[in-house]
């Protein structure tokens, strides 16, 4: 059944991937109206926006919602376009700003950890990094249950030199690569389990933060780098690395997780349309026994 589903859908996916960008965005404009009519996760999107921006009027929230759905259509089709995207197009569509500290890390033989959010086109950030730096990028991800779509996704993500690693094999992969210069990337704003998380305030809400990247950074003492993913105009992005922490083992517990959360929050407030508002980010409620950790850090 999984094979039948894949072979029924794949020709359509590949046909979309073959479209020139001007046609891709015409299709996206059409899909926007279909998506709005379908009511896809409208309640989730509006609730997330209202709680994140309590100072905004209902008209402003509705406007943000509409802009988000337009972007979600662009993001979906841009991701499919990765199947047929050339190296030249990948470089032109997603500019990478190479900062001097990356050269310093490379010269000193230092691997590091990348933290990002579901913000901007995170799929295009991988090729941008791999094509513009000497580090081996390893993206940590959760495999799909359908093996046919999983193989398609693997081809998409690895075509420009990026490697991928299932989340369950993260530690083993990092140990095996200790003698190589790697950049291990996490989409670190996913929902953490409520009993194994760092709790803080994110976008005006109690939030369970995934602590895996911080724990691994401390274990290997790998610097932590935040990737700012800015949408400069439709179909074009700029990725800018920022050094969050040089020596993780010298930081307090949860300090790196807090730094990442605050940095991502700044980007979302600056350009809210391109974050994944349809994700149920706040499905867990803070246990009563958990202290207000952010207040402890700032006091």
C-alpha atoms as a PDB file:
ATOM      1  CA  UNK A   1       0.000   0.000   0.000  1.00  0.00           C
ATOM      2  CA  UNK A   2       2.855   2.390   0.820  1.00  0.00           C
ATOM      3  CA  UNK A   3       4.436   1.710  -2.581  1.00  0.00           C
ATOM      4  CA  UNK A   4       1.124   2.300  -4.382  1.00  0.00           C
ATOM      5  CA  UNK A   5       0.642   5.610  -2.583  1.00  0.00           C
ATOM      6  CA  UNK A   6       4.158   6.729  -3.463  1.00  0.00           C
ATOM      7  CA  UNK A   7       3.963   5.818  -7.142  1.00  0.00           C
ATOM      8  CA  UNK A   8       0.594   7.538  -7.456  1.00  0.00           C
ATOM      9  CA  UNK A   9       1.837  10.779  -5.907  1.00  0.00           C
ATOM     10  CA  UNK A  10       5.463  10.889  -7.047  1.00  0.00           C
ATOM     11  CA  UNK A  11       4.774  11.842 -10.714  1.00  0.00           C
ATOM     12  CA  UNK A  12       2.854  14.899  -9.487  1.00  0.00           C
ATOM     13  CA  UNK A  13       5.635  15.830  -7.053  1.00  0.00           C
ATOM     14  CA  UNK A  14       8.261  15.537  -9.766  1.00  0.00           C
ATOM     15  CA  UNK A  15       6.150  17.519 -12.233  1.00  0.00           C
ATOM     16  CA  UNK A  16       5.928  20.338  -9.670  1.00  0.00           C
ATOM     17  CA  UNK A  17       9.680  20.134  -9.075  1.00  0.00           C
ATOM     18  CA  UNK A  18      10.289  20.617 -12.812  1.00  0.00           C
ATOM     19  CA  UNK A  19       8.332  23.875 -12.947  1.00  0.00           C
ATOM     20  CA  UNK A  20      10.324  27.089 -13.483  1.00  0.00           C
ATOM     21  CA  UNK A  21      10.183  29.325 -10.436  1.00  0.00           C
ATOM     22  CA  UNK A  22       7.712  31.798 -11.978  1.00  0.00           C
ATOM     23  CA  UNK A  23       5.252  28.953 -12.594  1.00  0.00           C
ATOM     24  CA  UNK A  24       5.953  27.464  -9.159  1.00  0.00           C
ATOM     25  CA  UNK A  25       4.833  30.671  -7.473  1.00  0.00           C
ATOM     26  CA  UNK A  26       1.737  30.973  -9.682  1.00  0.00           C
ATOM     27  CA  UNK A  27       0.795  27.504  -8.486  1.00  0.00           C
ATOM     28  CA  UNK A  28       1.520  28.593  -4.918  1.00  0.00           C
ATOM     29  CA  UNK A  29      -0.870  31.536  -5.294  1.00  0.00           C
ATOM     30  CA  UNK A  30      -3.600  29.133  -6.402  1.00  0.00           C
ATOM     31  CA  UNK A  31      -2.878  26.679  -3.581  1.00  0.00           C
ATOM     32  CA  UNK A  32      -3.134  29.510  -1.059  1.00  0.00           C
ATOM     33  CA  UNK A  33      -6.833  29.963  -1.821  1.00  0.00           C
ATOM     34  CA  UNK A  34      -7.400  26.195  -1.710  1.00  0.00           C
ATOM     35  CA  UNK A  35      -5.655  25.991   1.654  1.00  0.00           C
ATOM     36  CA  UNK A  36      -7.661  28.874   3.096  1.00  0.00           C
ATOM     37  CA  UNK A  37     -10.929  27.346   1.911  1.00  0.00           C
ATOM     38  CA  UNK A  38      -9.956  24.015   3.485  1.00  0.00           C
ATOM     39  CA  UNK A  39      -9.508  25.628   6.901  1.00  0.00           C
ATOM     40  CA  UNK A  40      -6.261  23.694   7.407  1.00  0.00           C
ATOM     41  CA  UNK A  41      -5.296  24.088  11.085  1.00  0.00           C
ATOM     42  CA  UNK A  42      -6.880  27.531  11.173  1.00  0.00           C
ATOM     43  CA  UNK A  43      -7.758  27.207  14.859  1.00  0.00           C
ATOM     44  CA  UNK A  44      -4.176  26.220  15.743  1.00  0.00           C
ATOM     45  CA  UNK A  45      -2.641  29.062  13.717  1.00  0.00           C
ATOM     46  CA  UNK A  46      -4.928  31.746  15.145  1.00  0.00           C
ATOM     47  CA  UNK A  47      -4.525  30.514  18.717  1.00  0.00           C
ATOM     48  CA  UNK A  48      -0.724  30.427  18.401  1.00  0.00           C
ATOM     49  CA  UNK A  49      -0.640  33.939  16.937  1.00  0.00           C
ATOM     50  CA  UNK A  50      -3.021  35.427  19.508  1.00  0.00           C
ATOM     51  CA  UNK A  51      -1.071  34.047  22.454  1.00  0.00           C
ATOM     52  CA  UNK A  52       2.297  34.975  20.946  1.00  0.00           C
ATOM     53  CA  UNK A  53       1.287  38.545  20.117  1.00  0.00           C
ATOM     54  CA  UNK A  54      -1.307  39.569  22.732  1.00  0.00           C
ATOM     55  CA  UNK A  55      -0.699  43.234  21.923  1.00  0.00           C
ATOM     56  CA  UNK A  56      -1.983  42.860  18.349  1.00  0.00           C
ATOM     57  CA  UNK A  57      -5.554  43.512  17.288  1.00  0.00           C
ATOM     58  CA  UNK A  58      -7.746  40.787  15.811  1.00  0.00           C
ATOM     59  CA  UNK A  59      -7.370  42.417  12.389  1.00  0.00           C
ATOM     60  CA  UNK A  60      -3.572  42.277  12.710  1.00  0.00           C
ATOM     61  CA  UNK A  61      -3.730  38.618  13.778  1.00  0.00           C
ATOM     62  CA  UNK A  62      -5.911  37.774  10.790  1.00  0.00           C
ATOM     63  CA  UNK A  63      -3.470  39.572   8.494  1.00  0.00           C
ATOM     64  CA  UNK A  64      -0.542  37.614   9.936  1.00  0.00           C
ATOM     65  CA  UNK A  65      -2.512  34.399   9.492  1.00  0.00           C
ATOM     66  CA  UNK A  66      -3.178  35.142   5.829  1.00  0.00           C
ATOM     67  CA  UNK A  67       0.470  36.003   5.187  1.00  0.00           C
ATOM     68  CA  UNK A  68       1.547  32.828   6.963  1.00  0.00           C
ATOM     69  CA  UNK A  69      -0.671  30.629   4.776  1.00  0.00           C
ATOM     70  CA  UNK A  70       0.740  32.314   1.675  1.00  0.00           C
ATOM     71  CA  UNK A  71       4.243  31.570   2.898  1.00  0.00           C
ATOM     72  CA  UNK A  72       3.373  27.988   3.857  1.00  0.00           C
ATOM     73  CA  UNK A  73       2.351  27.336   0.232  1.00  0.00           C
ATOM     74  CA  UNK A  74       5.626  28.837  -1.004  1.00  0.00           C
ATOM     75  CA  UNK A  75       7.626  26.788   1.499  1.00  0.00           C
ATOM     76  CA  UNK A  76       5.923  23.524   0.550  1.00  0.00           C
ATOM     77  CA  UNK A  77       6.539  23.982  -3.168  1.00  0.00           C
ATOM     78  CA  UNK A  78      10.082  25.290  -2.640  1.00  0.00           C
ATOM     79  CA  UNK A  79      10.827  22.118  -0.684  1.00  0.00           C
ATOM     80  CA  UNK A  80       9.566  19.954  -3.543  1.00  0.00           C
ATOM     81  CA  UNK A  81      11.629  22.056  -5.961  1.00  0.00           C
ATOM     82  CA  UNK A  82      14.740  20.822  -4.142  1.00  0.00           C
ATOM     83  CA  UNK A  83      14.382  17.565  -6.104  1.00  0.00           C
ATOM     84  CA  UNK A  84      15.501  19.255  -9.354  1.00  0.00           C
ATOM     85  CA  UNK A  85      17.374  22.309  -8.066  1.00  0.00           C
ATOM     86  CA  UNK A  86      20.821  22.803  -9.584  1.00  0.00           C
ATOM     87  CA  UNK A  87      23.875  23.860  -7.618  1.00  0.00           C
ATOM     88  CA  UNK A  88      23.779  27.257  -9.309  1.00  0.00           C
ATOM     89  CA  UNK A  89      20.153  27.785  -8.354  1.00  0.00           C
ATOM     90  CA  UNK A  90      20.809  26.648  -4.791  1.00  0.00           C
ATOM     91  CA  UNK A  91      23.602  29.214  -4.467  1.00  0.00           C
ATOM     92  CA  UNK A  92      21.572  32.027  -6.020  1.00  0.00           C
ATOM     93  CA  UNK A  93      18.361  31.346  -4.128  1.00  0.00           C
ATOM     94  CA  UNK A  94      19.935  30.943  -0.690  1.00  0.00           C
ATOM     95  CA  UNK A  95      22.926  33.171  -0.002  1.00  0.00           C
ATOM     96  CA  UNK A  96      25.324  32.085   2.731  1.00  0.00           C
ATOM     97  CA  UNK A  97      27.179  34.768   4.686  1.00  0.00           C
ATOM     98  CA  UNK A  98      30.497  33.186   5.672  1.00  0.00           C
ATOM     99  CA  UNK A  99      31.630  34.691   8.979  1.00  0.00           C
ATOM    100  CA  UNK A 100      35.329  34.784  10.019  1.00  0.00           C
ATOM    101  CA  UNK A 101      34.711  32.663  13.117  1.00  0.00           C
ATOM    102  CA  UNK A 102      33.856  29.689  10.861  1.00  0.00           C
ATOM    103  CA  UNK A 103      37.300  29.922   9.252  1.00  0.00           C
ATOM    104  CA  UNK A 104      38.844  30.099  12.723  1.00  0.00           C
ATOM    105  CA  UNK A 105      36.985  26.957  13.808  1.00  0.00           C
ATOM    106  CA  UNK A 106      38.095  25.148  10.665  1.00  0.00           C
ATOM    107  CA  UNK A 107      41.728  26.176  11.055  1.00  0.00           C
ATOM    108  CA  UNK A 108      41.710  24.990  14.663  1.00  0.00           C
ATOM    109  CA  UNK A 109      40.134  21.649  13.699  1.00  0.00           C
ATOM    110  CA  UNK A 110      36.997  22.313  15.695  1.00  0.00           C
ATOM    111  CA  UNK A 111      33.646  20.705  14.905  1.00  0.00           C
ATOM    112  CA  UNK A 112      30.484  22.415  16.123  1.00  0.00           C
ATOM    113  CA  UNK A 113      26.722  22.129  16.572  1.00  0.00           C
ATOM    114  CA  UNK A 114      24.135  24.126  14.621  1.00  0.00           C
ATOM    115  CA  UNK A 115      20.771  25.075  16.105  1.00  0.00           C
ATOM    116  CA  UNK A 116      17.907  26.413  13.994  1.00  0.00           C
ATOM    117  CA  UNK A 117      14.149  26.753  14.186  1.00  0.00           C
ATOM    118  CA  UNK A 118      11.318  25.899  11.828  1.00  0.00           C
ATOM    119  CA  UNK A 119      11.885  29.345  10.438  1.00  0.00           C
ATOM    120  CA  UNK A 120      12.372  30.348   6.818  1.00  0.00           C
ATOM    121  CA  UNK A 121      13.211  27.574   4.363  1.00  0.00           C
ATOM    122  CA  UNK A 122      15.318  25.360   6.622  1.00  0.00           C
ATOM    123  CA  UNK A 123      15.582  22.759   3.845  1.00  0.00           C
ATOM    124  CA  UNK A 124      17.442  25.232   1.599  1.00  0.00           C
ATOM    125  CA  UNK A 125      19.773  26.197   4.439  1.00  0.00           C
ATOM    126  CA  UNK A 126      21.453  22.780   4.224  1.00  0.00           C
ATOM    127  CA  UNK A 127      22.705  23.119   0.615  1.00  0.00           C
ATOM    128  CA  UNK A 128      23.672  26.754   1.289  1.00  0.00           C
ATOM    129  CA  UNK A 129      25.931  25.636   4.129  1.00  0.00           C
ATOM    130  CA  UNK A 130      27.346  22.556   2.369  1.00  0.00           C
ATOM    131  CA  UNK A 131      28.183  24.465  -0.825  1.00  0.00           C
ATOM    132  CA  UNK A 132      29.888  27.346   0.941  1.00  0.00           C
ATOM    133  CA  UNK A 133      31.887  25.885   3.824  1.00  0.00           C
ATOM    134  CA  UNK A 134      34.505  23.099   4.132  1.00  0.00           C
ATOM    135  CA  UNK A 135      32.684  21.422   7.034  1.00  0.00           C
ATOM    136  CA  UNK A 136      30.749  18.198   6.568  1.00  0.00           C
ATOM    137  CA  UNK A 137      27.167  19.075   7.425  1.00  0.00           C
ATOM    138  CA  UNK A 138      25.195  16.330   9.209  1.00  0.00           C
ATOM    139  CA  UNK A 139      21.504  17.068   9.647  1.00  0.00           C
ATOM    140  CA  UNK A 140      19.682  15.264  12.450  1.00  0.00           C
ATOM    141  CA  UNK A 141      16.149  14.316  11.423  1.00  0.00           C
ATOM    142  CA  UNK A 142      13.189  12.046  12.115  1.00  0.00           C
ATOM    143  CA  UNK A 143      12.710   9.465   9.303  1.00  0.00           C
ATOM    144  CA  UNK A 144       9.344   9.115   7.579  1.00  0.00           C
ATOM    145  CA  UNK A 145       7.346   5.949   8.157  1.00  0.00           C
ATOM    146  CA  UNK A 146       6.890   5.402   4.401  1.00  0.00           C
ATOM    147  CA  UNK A 147      10.229   4.001   3.106  1.00  0.00           C
ATOM    148  CA  UNK A 148       9.586   5.213  -0.457  1.00  0.00           C
ATOM    149  CA  UNK A 149       9.026   8.838   0.541  1.00  0.00           C
ATOM    150  CA  UNK A 150      11.928   8.451   2.966  1.00  0.00           C
ATOM    151  CA  UNK A 151      14.280   7.583   0.087  1.00  0.00           C
ATOM    152  CA  UNK A 152      12.983  10.564  -1.885  1.00  0.00           C
ATOM    153  CA  UNK A 153      13.593  12.858   1.088  1.00  0.00           C
ATOM    154  CA  UNK A 154      17.101  11.459   1.503  1.00  0.00           C
ATOM    155  CA  UNK A 155      17.929  12.222  -2.144  1.00  0.00           C
ATOM    156  CA  UNK A 156      16.613  15.752  -1.740  1.00  0.00           C
ATOM    157  CA  UNK A 157      18.621  16.483   1.389  1.00  0.00           C
ATOM    158  CA  UNK A 158      21.910  14.891   0.350  1.00  0.00           C
ATOM    159  CA  UNK A 159      22.249  15.937  -3.317  1.00  0.00           C
ATOM    160  CA  UNK A 160      24.665  18.834  -2.564  1.00  0.00           C
ATOM    161  CA  UNK A 161      26.929  17.027  -0.123  1.00  0.00           C
ATOM    162  CA  UNK A 162      24.896  17.165   3.074  1.00  0.00           C
ATOM    163  CA  UNK A 163      24.641  14.000   5.155  1.00  0.00           C
ATOM    164  CA  UNK A 164      21.643  13.087   7.290  1.00  0.00           C
ATOM    165  CA  UNK A 165      21.381  11.061  10.479  1.00  0.00           C
ATOM    166  CA  UNK A 166      18.256   9.638  12.167  1.00  0.00           C
ATOM    167  CA  UNK A 167      17.762  11.196  15.574  1.00  0.00           C
ATOM    168  CA  UNK A 168      18.076   7.828  17.350  1.00  0.00           C
ATOM    169  CA  UNK A 169      21.634   7.443  15.966  1.00  0.00           C
ATOM    170  CA  UNK A 170      22.833  10.952  16.832  1.00  0.00           C
ATOM    171  CA  UNK A 171      25.245  10.099  19.635  1.00  0.00           C
ATOM    172  CA  UNK A 172      26.704   7.104  17.813  1.00  0.00           C
ATOM    173  CA  UNK A 173      27.223   9.170  14.657  1.00  0.00           C
ATOM    174  CA  UNK A 174      28.922  12.014  16.542  1.00  0.00           C
ATOM    175  CA  UNK A 175      31.268   9.587  18.305  1.00  0.00           C
ATOM    176  CA  UNK A 176      32.148   7.928  14.986  1.00  0.00           C
ATOM    177  CA  UNK A 177      32.904  11.347  13.453  1.00  0.00           C
ATOM    178  CA  UNK A 178      34.996  12.771  16.306  1.00  0.00           C
ATOM    179  CA  UNK A 179      38.092  12.858  14.121  1.00  0.00           C
ATOM    180  CA  UNK A 180      36.322  14.669  11.272  1.00  0.00           C
ATOM    181  CA  UNK A 181      35.371  18.332  10.927  1.00  0.00           C
ATOM    182  CA  UNK A 182      31.603  18.282  11.137  1.00  0.00           C
ATOM    183  CA  UNK A 183      28.711  20.633  11.705  1.00  0.00           C
ATOM    184  CA  UNK A 184      25.830  18.708  13.288  1.00  0.00           C
ATOM    185  CA  UNK A 185      22.534  20.518  12.718  1.00  0.00           C
ATOM    186  CA  UNK A 186      19.365  20.362  14.804  1.00  0.00           C
ATOM    187  CA  UNK A 187      15.975  21.921  14.167  1.00  0.00           C
ATOM    188  CA  UNK A 188      15.798  22.634  17.863  1.00  0.00           C
ATOM    189  CA  UNK A 189      12.409  24.295  18.359  1.00  0.00           C
ATOM    190  CA  UNK A 190      10.437  21.075  18.228  1.00  0.00           C
ATOM    191  CA  UNK A 191       8.202  20.160  21.145  1.00  0.00           C
ATOM    192  CA  UNK A 192      10.022  18.419  23.977  1.00  0.00           C
ATOM    193  CA  UNK A 193       8.397  15.881  26.280  1.00  0.00           C
ATOM    194  CA  UNK A 194       7.073  17.801  29.269  1.00  0.00           C
ATOM    195  CA  UNK A 195       8.932  15.688  31.854  1.00  0.00           C
ATOM    196  CA  UNK A 196      12.322  15.854  30.095  1.00  0.00           C
ATOM    197  CA  UNK A 197      12.560  19.478  29.049  1.00  0.00           C
ATOM    198  CA  UNK A 198      13.829  22.877  29.988  1.00  0.00           C
ATOM    199  CA  UNK A 199      10.867  25.134  30.723  1.00  0.00           C
ATOM    200  CA  UNK A 200      11.017  28.796  29.863  1.00  0.00           C
ATOM    201  CA  UNK A 201       8.874  31.547  28.358  1.00  0.00           C
ATOM    202  CA  UNK A 202       8.858  31.677  24.561  1.00  0.00           C
ATOM    203  CA  UNK A 203       6.605  34.058  22.636  1.00  0.00           C
ATOM    204  CA  UNK A 204       4.721  34.896  25.856  1.00  0.00           C
ATOM    205  CA  UNK A 205       3.940  31.266  26.651  1.00  0.00           C
ATOM    206  CA  UNK A 206       5.325  28.592  28.972  1.00  0.00           C
ATOM    207  CA  UNK A 207       7.337  26.374  26.648  1.00  0.00           C
ATOM    208  CA  UNK A 208       9.069  23.004  26.930  1.00  0.00           C
ATOM    209  CA  UNK A 209      12.450  23.315  25.194  1.00  0.00           C
ATOM    210  CA  UNK A 210      14.294  20.371  23.637  1.00  0.00           C
ATOM    211  CA  UNK A 211      17.649  20.067  25.443  1.00  0.00           C
ATOM    212  CA  UNK A 212      19.367  17.462  23.240  1.00  0.00           C
ATOM    213  CA  UNK A 213      21.638  19.935  21.372  1.00  0.00           C
ATOM    214  CA  UNK A 214      22.848  21.494  24.630  1.00  0.00           C
ATOM    215  CA  UNK A 215      23.607  18.118  26.228  1.00  0.00           C
ATOM    216  CA  UNK A 216      25.598  16.992  23.183  1.00  0.00           C
ATOM    217  CA  UNK A 217      27.422  20.321  22.945  1.00  0.00           C
ATOM    218  CA  UNK A 218      28.545  19.905  26.547  1.00  0.00           C
ATOM    219  CA  UNK A 219      29.461  16.257  26.123  1.00  0.00           C
ATOM    220  CA  UNK A 220      31.789  17.005  23.181  1.00  0.00           C
ATOM    221  CA  UNK A 221      32.488  20.632  24.158  1.00  0.00           C
ATOM    222  CA  UNK A 222      31.507  21.677  20.631  1.00  0.00           C
ATOM    223  CA  UNK A 223      30.736  25.365  20.026  1.00  0.00           C
ATOM    224  CA  UNK A 224      27.095  26.133  19.303  1.00  0.00           C
ATOM    225  CA  UNK A 225      26.206  28.173  16.222  1.00  0.00           C
ATOM    226  CA  UNK A 226      22.813  29.702  15.498  1.00  0.00           C
ATOM    227  CA  UNK A 227      21.762  30.016  11.861  1.00  0.00           C
ATOM    228  CA  UNK A 228      19.702  33.086  11.085  1.00  0.00           C
ATOM    229  CA  UNK A 229      17.436  32.247   8.128  1.00  0.00           C
ATOM    230  CA  UNK A 230      16.093  35.456   6.636  1.00  0.00           C
ATOM    231  CA  UNK A 231      13.676  35.648   3.723  1.00  0.00           C
ATOM    232  CA  UNK A 232      14.919  38.600   1.692  1.00  0.00           C
ATOM    233  CA  UNK A 233      12.200  38.393  -0.964  1.00  0.00           C
ATOM    234  CA  UNK A 234       9.972  35.740  -2.459  1.00  0.00           C
ATOM    235  CA  UNK A 235      12.048  32.684  -3.297  1.00  0.00           C
ATOM    236  CA  UNK A 236      15.281  34.171  -1.908  1.00  0.00           C
ATOM    237  CA  UNK A 237      16.920  33.746   1.481  1.00  0.00           C
ATOM    238  CA  UNK A 238      20.059  34.705   3.353  1.00  0.00           C
ATOM    239  CA  UNK A 239      21.666  32.430   5.952  1.00  0.00           C
ATOM    240  CA  UNK A 240      23.914  34.097   8.521  1.00  0.00           C
ATOM    241  CA  UNK A 241      25.771  32.036  11.173  1.00  0.00           C
ATOM    242  CA  UNK A 242      26.108  33.497  14.672  1.00  0.00           C
ATOM    243  CA  UNK A 243      28.314  32.047  17.409  1.00  0.00           C
ATOM    244  CA  UNK A 244      26.093  31.447  20.432  1.00  0.00           C
ATOM    245  CA  UNK A 245      28.566  29.692  22.699  1.00  0.00           C
ATOM    246  CA  UNK A 246      32.298  29.011  22.296  1.00  0.00           C
ATOM    247  CA  UNK A 247      32.849  26.714  25.289  1.00  0.00           C
ATOM    248  CA  UNK A 248      29.659  24.861  26.295  1.00  0.00           C
ATOM    249  CA  UNK A 249      31.270  23.064  29.231  1.00  0.00           C
ATOM    250  CA  UNK A 250      31.765  26.435  30.923  1.00  0.00           C
ATOM    251  CA  UNK A 251      28.046  27.289  30.833  1.00  0.00           C
ATOM    252  CA  UNK A 252      25.349  26.701  33.438  1.00  0.00           C
ATOM    253  CA  UNK A 253      22.654  24.056  33.059  1.00  0.00           C
ATOM    254  CA  UNK A 254      20.076  25.081  30.425  1.00  0.00           C
ATOM    255  CA  UNK A 255      21.962  28.286  29.618  1.00  0.00           C
ATOM    256  CA  UNK A 256      22.538  27.317  25.971  1.00  0.00           C
ATOM    257  CA  UNK A 257      18.898  26.262  25.545  1.00  0.00           C
ATOM    258  CA  UNK A 258      17.845  29.645  26.889  1.00  0.00           C
ATOM    259  CA  UNK A 259      20.243  31.472  24.553  1.00  0.00           C
ATOM    260  CA  UNK A 260      18.842  29.638  21.542  1.00  0.00           C
ATOM    261  CA  UNK A 261      15.247  30.285  22.590  1.00  0.00           C
ATOM    262  CA  UNK A 262      15.828  34.016  23.022  1.00  0.00           C
ATOM    263  CA  UNK A 263      17.694  34.296  19.711  1.00  0.00           C
ATOM    264  CA  UNK A 264      15.005  32.479  17.733  1.00  0.00           C
ATOM    265  CA  UNK A 265      12.329  34.571  19.406  1.00  0.00           C
ATOM    266  CA  UNK A 266      14.014  37.760  18.171  1.00  0.00           C
ATOM    267  CA  UNK A 267      13.885  36.509  14.574  1.00  0.00           C
ATOM    268  CA  UNK A 268      10.243  35.474  14.840  1.00  0.00           C
ATOM    269  CA  UNK A 269       9.201  38.844  16.254  1.00  0.00           C
ATOM    270  CA  UNK A 270      11.154  40.583  13.473  1.00  0.00           C
ATOM    271  CA  UNK A 271       9.724  38.433  10.633  1.00  0.00           C
ATOM    272  CA  UNK A 272       6.791  36.418  12.049  1.00  0.00           C
ATOM    273  CA  UNK A 273       5.328  35.211   8.763  1.00  0.00           C
ATOM    274  CA  UNK A 274       8.019  32.597   8.108  1.00  0.00           C
ATOM    275  CA  UNK A 275       7.772  30.555  11.324  1.00  0.00           C
ATOM    276  CA  UNK A 276       5.748  27.328  11.397  1.00  0.00           C
ATOM    277  CA  UNK A 277       2.574  28.582  13.114  1.00  0.00           C
ATOM    278  CA  UNK A 278       0.515  25.531  12.134  1.00  0.00           C
ATOM    279  CA  UNK A 279       2.719  23.360  14.362  1.00  0.00           C
ATOM    280  CA  UNK A 280       1.217  22.476  17.759  1.00  0.00           C
ATOM    281  CA  UNK A 281       4.236  23.873  19.591  1.00  0.00           C
ATOM    282  CA  UNK A 282       2.480  24.377  22.918  1.00  0.00           C
ATOM    283  CA  UNK A 283       0.574  21.107  23.280  1.00  0.00           C
ATOM    284  CA  UNK A 284       2.237  20.374  26.651  1.00  0.00           C
ATOM    285  CA  UNK A 285       1.368  22.320  29.785  1.00  0.00           C
ATOM    286  CA  UNK A 286       4.008  23.254  32.309  1.00  0.00           C
ATOM    287  CA  UNK A 287       3.981  20.958  35.380  1.00  0.00           C
ATOM    288  CA  UNK A 288       3.156  22.817  38.568  1.00  0.00           C
ATOM    289  CA  UNK A 289       6.440  21.766  40.227  1.00  0.00           C
ATOM    290  CA  UNK A 290       8.666  23.322  37.528  1.00  0.00           C
ATOM    291  CA  UNK A 291      10.091  26.717  38.565  1.00  0.00           C
ATOM    292  CA  UNK A 292      10.155  29.760  36.298  1.00  0.00           C
ATOM    293  CA  UNK A 293      13.635  29.000  34.951  1.00  0.00           C
ATOM    294  CA  UNK A 294      13.954  32.060  32.749  1.00  0.00           C
ATOM    295  CA  UNK A 295      13.351  34.344  35.716  1.00  0.00           C
ATOM    296  CA  UNK A 296      16.049  32.486  37.660  1.00  0.00           C
ATOM    297  CA  UNK A 297      18.552  33.065  34.843  1.00  0.00           C
ATOM    298  CA  UNK A 298      17.789  36.763  34.553  1.00  0.00           C
ATOM    299  CA  UNK A 299      17.697  37.567  38.279  1.00  0.00           C
END
